[in-house]
Amino acid sequence: MAKVIDALSIRDMTLVALDEDLPMDTKIGNSVRLNGKIVHIYDIPAYDLAPVHNVLILGVKVEVGDEIMFEK
């Protein structure tokens, strides 16, 4: 389980920074549990110059301190 350490919301999407790296098999469209509710990963930002391994974009509002559990 990961905790949200930073979140930036724009309209109905939120850029989320977690306190741990994403699991290796995480892909766009995968399900995660956000405070017990199932939501889907909208996007995973990828930067060639400086890889980021703990950020994803969800299509719902997220607050700092929320908990995310990755589905298998």
PDB file of N, CA and C in Angstrom:
ATOM      1  N   MET A   1       0.848  -1.165   0.000  1.00  0.00           N
ATOM      2  CA  MET A   1       0.000   0.000   0.000  1.00  0.00           C
ATOM      3  C   MET A   1       0.901   1.238   0.000  1.00  0.00           C
ATOM      4  N   ALA A   2       0.540   2.212  -0.821  1.00  0.00           N
ATOM      5  CA  ALA A   2       1.313   3.447  -0.936  1.00  0.00           C
ATOM      6  C   ALA A   2       0.459   4.618  -0.455  1.00  0.00           C
ATOM      7  N   LYS A   3       1.115   5.615   0.094  1.00  0.00           N
ATOM      8  CA  LYS A   3       0.427   6.838   0.510  1.00  0.00           C
ATOM      9  C   LYS A   3       0.741   7.951  -0.472  1.00  0.00           C
ATOM     10  N   VAL A   4      -0.239   8.804  -0.714  1.00  0.00           N
ATOM     11  CA  VAL A   4      -0.060   9.962  -1.584  1.00  0.00           C
ATOM     12  C   VAL A   4       0.701  11.024  -0.794  1.00  0.00           C
ATOM     13  N   ILE A   5       1.862  11.460  -1.335  1.00  0.00           N
ATOM     14  CA  ILE A   5       2.650  12.489  -0.661  1.00  0.00           C
ATOM     15  C   ILE A   5       2.497  13.857  -1.321  1.00  0.00           C
ATOM     16  N   ASP A   6       1.991  13.876  -2.568  1.00  0.00           N
ATOM     17  CA  ASP A   6       1.732  15.143  -3.259  1.00  0.00           C
ATOM     18  C   ASP A   6       0.710  14.883  -4.344  1.00  0.00           C
ATOM     19  N   ALA A   7      -0.155  15.853  -4.595  1.00  0.00           N
ATOM     20  CA  ALA A   7      -1.189  15.698  -5.614  1.00  0.00           C
ATOM     21  C   ALA A   7      -1.481  17.042  -6.257  1.00  0.00           C
ATOM     22  N   LEU A   8      -1.613  17.037  -7.582  1.00  0.00           N
ATOM     23  CA  LEU A   8      -1.954  18.236  -8.334  1.00  0.00           C
ATOM     24  C   LEU A   8      -3.174  17.903  -9.184  1.00  0.00           C
ATOM     25  N   SER A   9      -4.313  18.517  -8.880  1.00  0.00           N
ATOM     26  CA  SER A   9      -5.553  18.252  -9.607  1.00  0.00           C
ATOM     27  C   SER A   9      -5.820  19.338 -10.630  1.00  0.00           C
ATOM     28  N   ILE A  10      -6.179  18.898 -11.832  1.00  0.00           N
ATOM     29  CA  ILE A  10      -6.588  19.798 -12.908  1.00  0.00           C
ATOM     30  C   ILE A  10      -7.835  19.187 -13.522  1.00  0.00           C
ATOM     31  N   ARG A  11      -8.947  19.893 -13.367  1.00  0.00           N
ATOM     32  CA  ARG A  11     -10.264  19.407 -13.786  1.00  0.00           C
ATOM     33  C   ARG A  11     -10.538  18.049 -13.154  1.00  0.00           C
ATOM     34  N   ASP A  12     -10.693  16.992 -13.963  1.00  0.00           N
ATOM     35  CA  ASP A  12     -11.041  15.683 -13.411  1.00  0.00           C
ATOM     36  C   ASP A  12      -9.854  14.726 -13.367  1.00  0.00           C
ATOM     37  N   MET A  13      -8.622  15.235 -13.496  1.00  0.00           N
ATOM     38  CA  MET A  13      -7.445  14.384 -13.427  1.00  0.00           C
ATOM     39  C   MET A  13      -6.521  14.871 -12.311  1.00  0.00           C
ATOM     40  N   THR A  14      -5.795  13.934 -11.711  1.00  0.00           N
ATOM     41  CA  THR A  14      -4.865  14.275 -10.648  1.00  0.00           C
ATOM     42  C   THR A  14      -3.524  13.604 -10.891  1.00  0.00           C
ATOM     43  N   LEU A  15      -2.458  14.401 -10.886  1.00  0.00           N
ATOM     44  CA  LEU A  15      -1.091  13.891 -10.925  1.00  0.00           C
ATOM     45  C   LEU A  15      -0.734  13.542  -9.490  1.00  0.00           C
ATOM     46  N   VAL A  16      -0.369  12.294  -9.252  1.00  0.00           N
ATOM     47  CA  VAL A  16      -0.185  11.775  -7.901  1.00  0.00           C
ATOM     48  C   VAL A  16       1.258  11.311  -7.703  1.00  0.00           C
ATOM     49  N   ALA A  17       1.899  11.793  -6.636  1.00  0.00           N
ATOM     50  CA  ALA A  17       3.227  11.312  -6.240  1.00  0.00           C
ATOM     51  C   ALA A  17       3.050  10.421  -5.016  1.00  0.00           C
ATOM     52  N   LEU A  18       3.659   9.238  -5.047  1.00  0.00           N
ATOM     53  CA  LEU A  18       3.518   8.257  -3.980  1.00  0.00           C
ATOM     54  C   LEU A  18       4.788   8.165  -3.145  1.00  0.00           C
ATOM     55  N   ASP A  19       4.656   7.598  -1.953  1.00  0.00           N
ATOM     56  CA  ASP A  19       5.808   7.442  -1.065  1.00  0.00           C
ATOM     57  C   ASP A  19       6.635   6.196  -1.379  1.00  0.00           C
ATOM     58  N   GLU A  20       6.268   5.461  -2.420  1.00  0.00           N
ATOM     59  CA  GLU A  20       7.042   4.299  -2.859  1.00  0.00           C
ATOM     60  C   GLU A  20       6.919   4.158  -4.370  1.00  0.00           C
ATOM     61  N   ASP A  21       7.836   3.399  -4.963  1.00  0.00           N
ATOM     62  CA  ASP A  21       7.808   3.205  -6.409  1.00  0.00           C
ATOM     63  C   ASP A  21       6.601   2.377  -6.837  1.00  0.00           C
ATOM     64  N   LEU A  22       6.173   2.579  -8.089  1.00  0.00           N
ATOM     65  CA  LEU A  22       5.096   1.776  -8.656  1.00  0.00           C
ATOM     66  C   LEU A  22       5.591   0.340  -8.831  1.00  0.00           C
ATOM     67  N   PRO A  23       4.702  -0.657  -8.701  1.00  0.00           N
ATOM     68  CA  PRO A  23       5.106  -2.030  -9.008  1.00  0.00           C
ATOM     69  C   PRO A  23       5.574  -2.128 -10.465  1.00  0.00           C
ATOM     70  N   MET A  24       6.508  -3.021 -10.732  1.00  0.00           N
ATOM     71  CA  MET A  24       7.113  -3.130 -12.070  1.00  0.00           C
ATOM     72  C   MET A  24       6.095  -3.396 -13.177  1.00  0.00           C
ATOM     73  N   ASP A  25       5.028  -4.115 -12.903  1.00  0.00           N
ATOM     74  CA  ASP A  25       4.059  -4.483 -13.949  1.00  0.00           C
ATOM     75  C   ASP A  25       2.906  -3.491 -14.080  1.00  0.00           C
ATOM     76  N   THR A  26       3.023  -2.297 -13.512  1.00  0.00           N
ATOM     77  CA  THR A  26       1.964  -1.290 -13.569  1.00  0.00           C
ATOM     78  C   THR A  26       1.836  -0.732 -14.985  1.00  0.00           C
ATOM     79  N   LYS A  27       0.593  -0.712 -15.504  1.00  0.00           N
ATOM     80  CA  LYS A  27       0.335  -0.221 -16.860  1.00  0.00           C
ATOM     81  C   LYS A  27      -0.885   0.692 -16.856  1.00  0.00           C
ATOM     82  N   ILE A  28      -0.994   1.496 -17.888  1.00  0.00           N
ATOM     83  CA  ILE A  28      -2.166   2.351 -18.077  1.00  0.00           C
ATOM     84  C   ILE A  28      -3.397   1.448 -18.171  1.00  0.00           C
ATOM     85  N   GLY A  29      -4.461   1.816 -17.475  1.00  0.00           N
ATOM     86  CA  GLY A  29      -5.692   1.033 -17.488  1.00  0.00           C
ATOM     87  C   GLY A  29      -5.804   0.050 -16.344  1.00  0.00           C
ATOM     88  N   ASN A  30      -4.700  -0.233 -15.642  1.00  0.00           N
ATOM     89  CA  ASN A  30      -4.762  -1.133 -14.482  1.00  0.00           C
ATOM     90  C   ASN A  30      -5.654  -0.539 -13.404  1.00  0.00           C
ATOM     91  N   SER A  31      -6.222  -1.404 -12.583  1.00  0.00           N
ATOM     92  CA  SER A  31      -7.052  -0.974 -11.459  1.00  0.00           C
ATOM     93  C   SER A  31      -6.197  -0.767 -10.221  1.00  0.00           C
ATOM     94  N   VAL A  32      -6.547   0.246  -9.447  1.00  0.00           N
ATOM     95  CA  VAL A  32      -5.967   0.465  -8.127  1.00  0.00           C
ATOM     96  C   VAL A  32      -7.116   0.765  -7.177  1.00  0.00           C
ATOM     97  N   ARG A  33      -6.890   0.541  -5.895  1.00  0.00           N
ATOM     98  CA  ARG A  33      -7.884   0.895  -4.887  1.00  0.00           C
ATOM     99  C   ARG A  33      -7.444   2.183  -4.225  1.00  0.00           C
ATOM    100  N   LEU A  34      -8.271   3.199  -4.360  1.00  0.00           N
ATOM    101  CA  LEU A  34      -8.029   4.503  -3.753  1.00  0.00           C
ATOM    102  C   LEU A  34      -8.979   4.628  -2.576  1.00  0.00           C
ATOM    103  N   ASN A  35      -8.435   4.511  -1.360  1.00  0.00           N
ATOM    104  CA  ASN A  35      -9.261   4.523  -0.148  1.00  0.00           C
ATOM    105  C   ASN A  35     -10.405   3.521  -0.245  1.00  0.00           C
ATOM    106  N   GLY A  36     -10.135   2.352  -0.823  1.00  0.00           N
ATOM    107  CA  GLY A  36     -11.121   1.278  -0.913  1.00  0.00           C
ATOM    108  C   GLY A  36     -11.958   1.277  -2.179  1.00  0.00           C
ATOM    109  N   LYS A  37     -11.956   2.365  -2.948  1.00  0.00           N
ATOM    110  CA  LYS A  37     -12.738   2.429  -4.190  1.00  0.00           C
ATOM    111  C   LYS A  37     -11.841   2.079  -5.372  1.00  0.00           C
ATOM    112  N   ILE A  38     -12.371   1.307  -6.308  1.00  0.00           N
ATOM    113  CA  ILE A  38     -11.594   0.909  -7.480  1.00  0.00           C
ATOM    114  C   ILE A  38     -11.611   2.033  -8.513  1.00  0.00           C
ATOM    115  N   VAL A  39     -10.417   2.446  -8.952  1.00  0.00           N
ATOM    116  CA  VAL A  39     -10.256   3.424 -10.028  1.00  0.00           C
ATOM    117  C   VAL A  39      -9.196   2.888 -10.986  1.00  0.00           C
ATOM    118  N   HIS A  40      -9.141   3.447 -12.183  1.00  0.00           N
ATOM    119  CA  HIS A  40      -8.186   2.992 -13.186  1.00  0.00           C
ATOM    120  C   HIS A  40      -7.094   4.037 -13.406  1.00  0.00           C
ATOM    121  N   ILE A  41      -5.905   3.548 -13.704  1.00  0.00           N
ATOM    122  CA  ILE A  41      -4.777   4.439 -13.987  1.00  0.00           C
ATOM    123  C   ILE A  41      -5.002   5.070 -15.351  1.00  0.00           C
ATOM    124  N   TYR A  42      -5.038   6.387 -15.385  1.00  0.00           N
ATOM    125  CA  TYR A  42      -5.272   7.134 -16.616  1.00  0.00           C
ATOM    126  C   TYR A  42      -3.992   7.252 -17.443  1.00  0.00           C
ATOM    127  N   ASP A  43      -2.863   7.466 -16.782  1.00  0.00           N
ATOM    128  CA  ASP A  43      -1.588   7.617 -17.484  1.00  0.00           C
ATOM    129  C   ASP A  43      -0.446   7.449 -16.478  1.00  0.00           C
ATOM    130  N   ILE A  44       0.723   7.132 -17.003  1.00  0.00           N
ATOM    131  CA  ILE A  44       1.942   7.063 -16.211  1.00  0.00           C
ATOM    132  C   ILE A  44       2.964   7.944 -16.916  1.00  0.00           C
ATOM    133  N   PRO A  45       3.297   9.092 -16.325  1.00  0.00           N
ATOM    134  CA  PRO A  45       4.256   9.994 -16.979  1.00  0.00           C
ATOM    135  C   PRO A  45       5.611   9.306 -17.148  1.00  0.00           C
ATOM    136  N   ALA A  46       6.234   9.538 -18.291  1.00  0.00           N
ATOM    137  CA  ALA A  46       7.551   8.961 -18.568  1.00  0.00           C
ATOM    138  C   ALA A  46       8.447  10.058 -19.139  1.00  0.00           C
ATOM    139  N   TYR A  47       9.582  10.219 -18.525  1.00  0.00           N
ATOM    140  CA  TYR A  47      10.544  11.217 -18.969  1.00  0.00           C
ATOM    141  C   TYR A  47      11.843  10.511 -19.286  1.00  0.00           C
ATOM    142  N   ASP A  48      12.383  10.720 -20.502  1.00  0.00           N
ATOM    143  CA  ASP A  48      13.607  10.050 -20.921  1.00  0.00           C
ATOM    144  C   ASP A  48      14.827  10.523 -20.140  1.00  0.00           C
ATOM    145  N   LEU A  49      14.901  11.791 -19.842  1.00  0.00           N
ATOM    146  CA  LEU A  49      16.096  12.332 -19.195  1.00  0.00           C
ATOM    147  C   LEU A  49      16.183  11.978 -17.716  1.00  0.00           C
ATOM    148  N   ALA A  50      15.073  12.010 -17.020  1.00  0.00           N
ATOM    149  CA  ALA A  50      15.069  11.707 -15.593  1.00  0.00           C
ATOM    150  C   ALA A  50      13.874  10.806 -15.277  1.00  0.00           C
ATOM    151  N   PRO A  51      14.072   9.496 -15.291  1.00  0.00           N
ATOM    152  CA  PRO A  51      12.945   8.581 -15.045  1.00  0.00           C
ATOM    153  C   PRO A  51      12.303   8.817 -13.676  1.00  0.00           C
ATOM    154  N   VAL A  52      10.990   8.759 -13.657  1.00  0.00           N
ATOM    155  CA  VAL A  52      10.230   8.921 -12.422  1.00  0.00           C
ATOM    156  C   VAL A  52       9.488   7.610 -12.190  1.00  0.00           C
ATOM    157  N   HIS A  53       9.612   7.040 -10.994  1.00  0.00           N
ATOM    158  CA  HIS A  53       9.042   5.721 -10.739  1.00  0.00           C
ATOM    159  C   HIS A  53       7.947   5.723  -9.680  1.00  0.00           C
ATOM    160  N   ASN A  54       7.542   6.895  -9.215  1.00  0.00           N
ATOM    161  CA  ASN A  54       6.519   6.931  -8.165  1.00  0.00           C
ATOM    162  C   ASN A  54       5.387   7.906  -8.482  1.00  0.00           C
ATOM    163  N   VAL A  55       5.123   8.143  -9.772  1.00  0.00           N
ATOM    164  CA  VAL A  55       4.097   9.109 -10.179  1.00  0.00           C
ATOM    165  C   VAL A  55       3.124   8.451 -11.152  1.00  0.00           C
ATOM    166  N   LEU A  56       1.846   8.751 -10.986  1.00  0.00           N
ATOM    167  CA  LEU A  56       0.833   8.299 -11.942  1.00  0.00           C
ATOM    168  C   LEU A  56      -0.275   9.328 -12.015  1.00  0.00           C
ATOM    169  N   ILE A  57      -1.134   9.183 -13.011  1.00  0.00           N
ATOM    170  CA  ILE A  57      -2.265  10.093 -13.190  1.00  0.00           C
ATOM    171  C   ILE A  57      -3.551   9.282 -13.071  1.00  0.00           C
ATOM    172  N   LEU A  58      -4.446   9.756 -12.214  1.00  0.00           N
ATOM    173  CA  LEU A  58      -5.747   9.124 -12.030  1.00  0.00           C
ATOM    174  C   LEU A  58      -6.829  10.079 -12.498  1.00  0.00           C
ATOM    175  N   GLY A  59      -7.942   9.547 -12.938  1.00  0.00           N
ATOM    176  CA  GLY A  59      -9.050  10.349 -13.437  1.00  0.00           C
ATOM    177  C   GLY A  59     -10.044  10.734 -12.359  1.00  0.00           C
ATOM    178  N   VAL A  60      -9.584  10.829 -11.119  1.00  0.00           N
ATOM    179  CA  VAL A  60     -10.448  11.231  -9.995  1.00  0.00           C
ATOM    180  C   VAL A  60      -9.683  12.192  -9.100  1.00  0.00           C
ATOM    181  N   LYS A  61     -10.392  12.852  -8.198  1.00  0.00           N
ATOM    182  CA  LYS A  61      -9.745  13.765  -7.251  1.00  0.00           C
ATOM    183  C   LYS A  61      -9.052  12.952  -6.165  1.00  0.00           C
ATOM    184  N   VAL A  62      -7.812  13.316  -5.870  1.00  0.00           N
ATOM    185  CA  VAL A  62      -7.006  12.623  -4.867  1.00  0.00           C
ATOM    186  C   VAL A  62      -6.426  13.674  -3.928  1.00  0.00           C
ATOM    187  N   GLU A  63      -6.338  13.342  -2.655  1.00  0.00           N
ATOM    188  CA  GLU A  63      -5.800  14.248  -1.646  1.00  0.00           C
ATOM    189  C   GLU A  63      -4.522  13.661  -1.049  1.00  0.00           C
ATOM    190  N   VAL A  64      -3.645  14.520  -0.559  1.00  0.00           N
ATOM    191  CA  VAL A  64      -2.444  14.088   0.148  1.00  0.00           C
ATOM    192  C   VAL A  64      -2.881  13.263   1.362  1.00  0.00           C
ATOM    193  N   GLY A  65      -2.233  12.119   1.560  1.00  0.00           N
ATOM    194  CA  GLY A  65      -2.572  11.225   2.672  1.00  0.00           C
ATOM    195  C   GLY A  65      -3.482  10.083   2.275  1.00  0.00           C
ATOM    196  N   ASP A  66      -4.119  10.156   1.086  1.00  0.00           N
ATOM    197  CA  ASP A  66      -4.945   9.045   0.618  1.00  0.00           C
ATOM    198  C   ASP A  66      -4.073   7.810   0.422  1.00  0.00           C
ATOM    199  N   GLU A  67      -4.688   6.636   0.504  1.00  0.00           N
ATOM    200  CA  GLU A  67      -3.968   5.385   0.350  1.00  0.00           C
ATOM    201  C   GLU A  67      -4.330   4.723  -0.960  1.00  0.00           C
ATOM    202  N   ILE A  68      -3.329   4.215  -1.649  1.00  0.00           N
ATOM    203  CA  ILE A  68      -3.520   3.518  -2.918  1.00  0.00           C
ATOM    204  C   ILE A  68      -2.970   2.114  -2.782  1.00  0.00           C
ATOM    205  N   MET A  69      -3.790   1.128  -3.141  1.00  0.00           N
ATOM    206  CA  MET A  69      -3.368  -0.264  -3.127  1.00  0.00           C
ATOM    207  C   MET A  69      -3.458  -0.776  -4.570  1.00  0.00           C
ATOM    208  N   PHE A  70      -2.385  -1.375  -5.043  1.00  0.00           N
ATOM    209  CA  PHE A  70      -2.331  -1.857  -6.416  1.00  0.00           C
ATOM    210  C   PHE A  70      -2.974  -3.233  -6.504  1.00  0.00           C
ATOM    211  N   GLU A  71      -3.850  -3.411  -7.491  1.00  0.00           N
ATOM    212  CA  GLU A  71      -4.527  -4.693  -7.738  1.00  0.00           C
ATOM    213  C   GLU A  71      -3.600  -5.593  -8.529  1.00  0.00           C
ATOM    214  N   LYS A  72      -3.742  -6.882  -8.344  1.00  0.00           N
ATOM    215  CA  LYS A  72      -2.920  -7.838  -9.105  1.00  0.00           C
ATOM    216  C   LYS A  72      -3.720  -8.498 -10.169  1.00  0.00           C
TER     217      LYS A  72
END
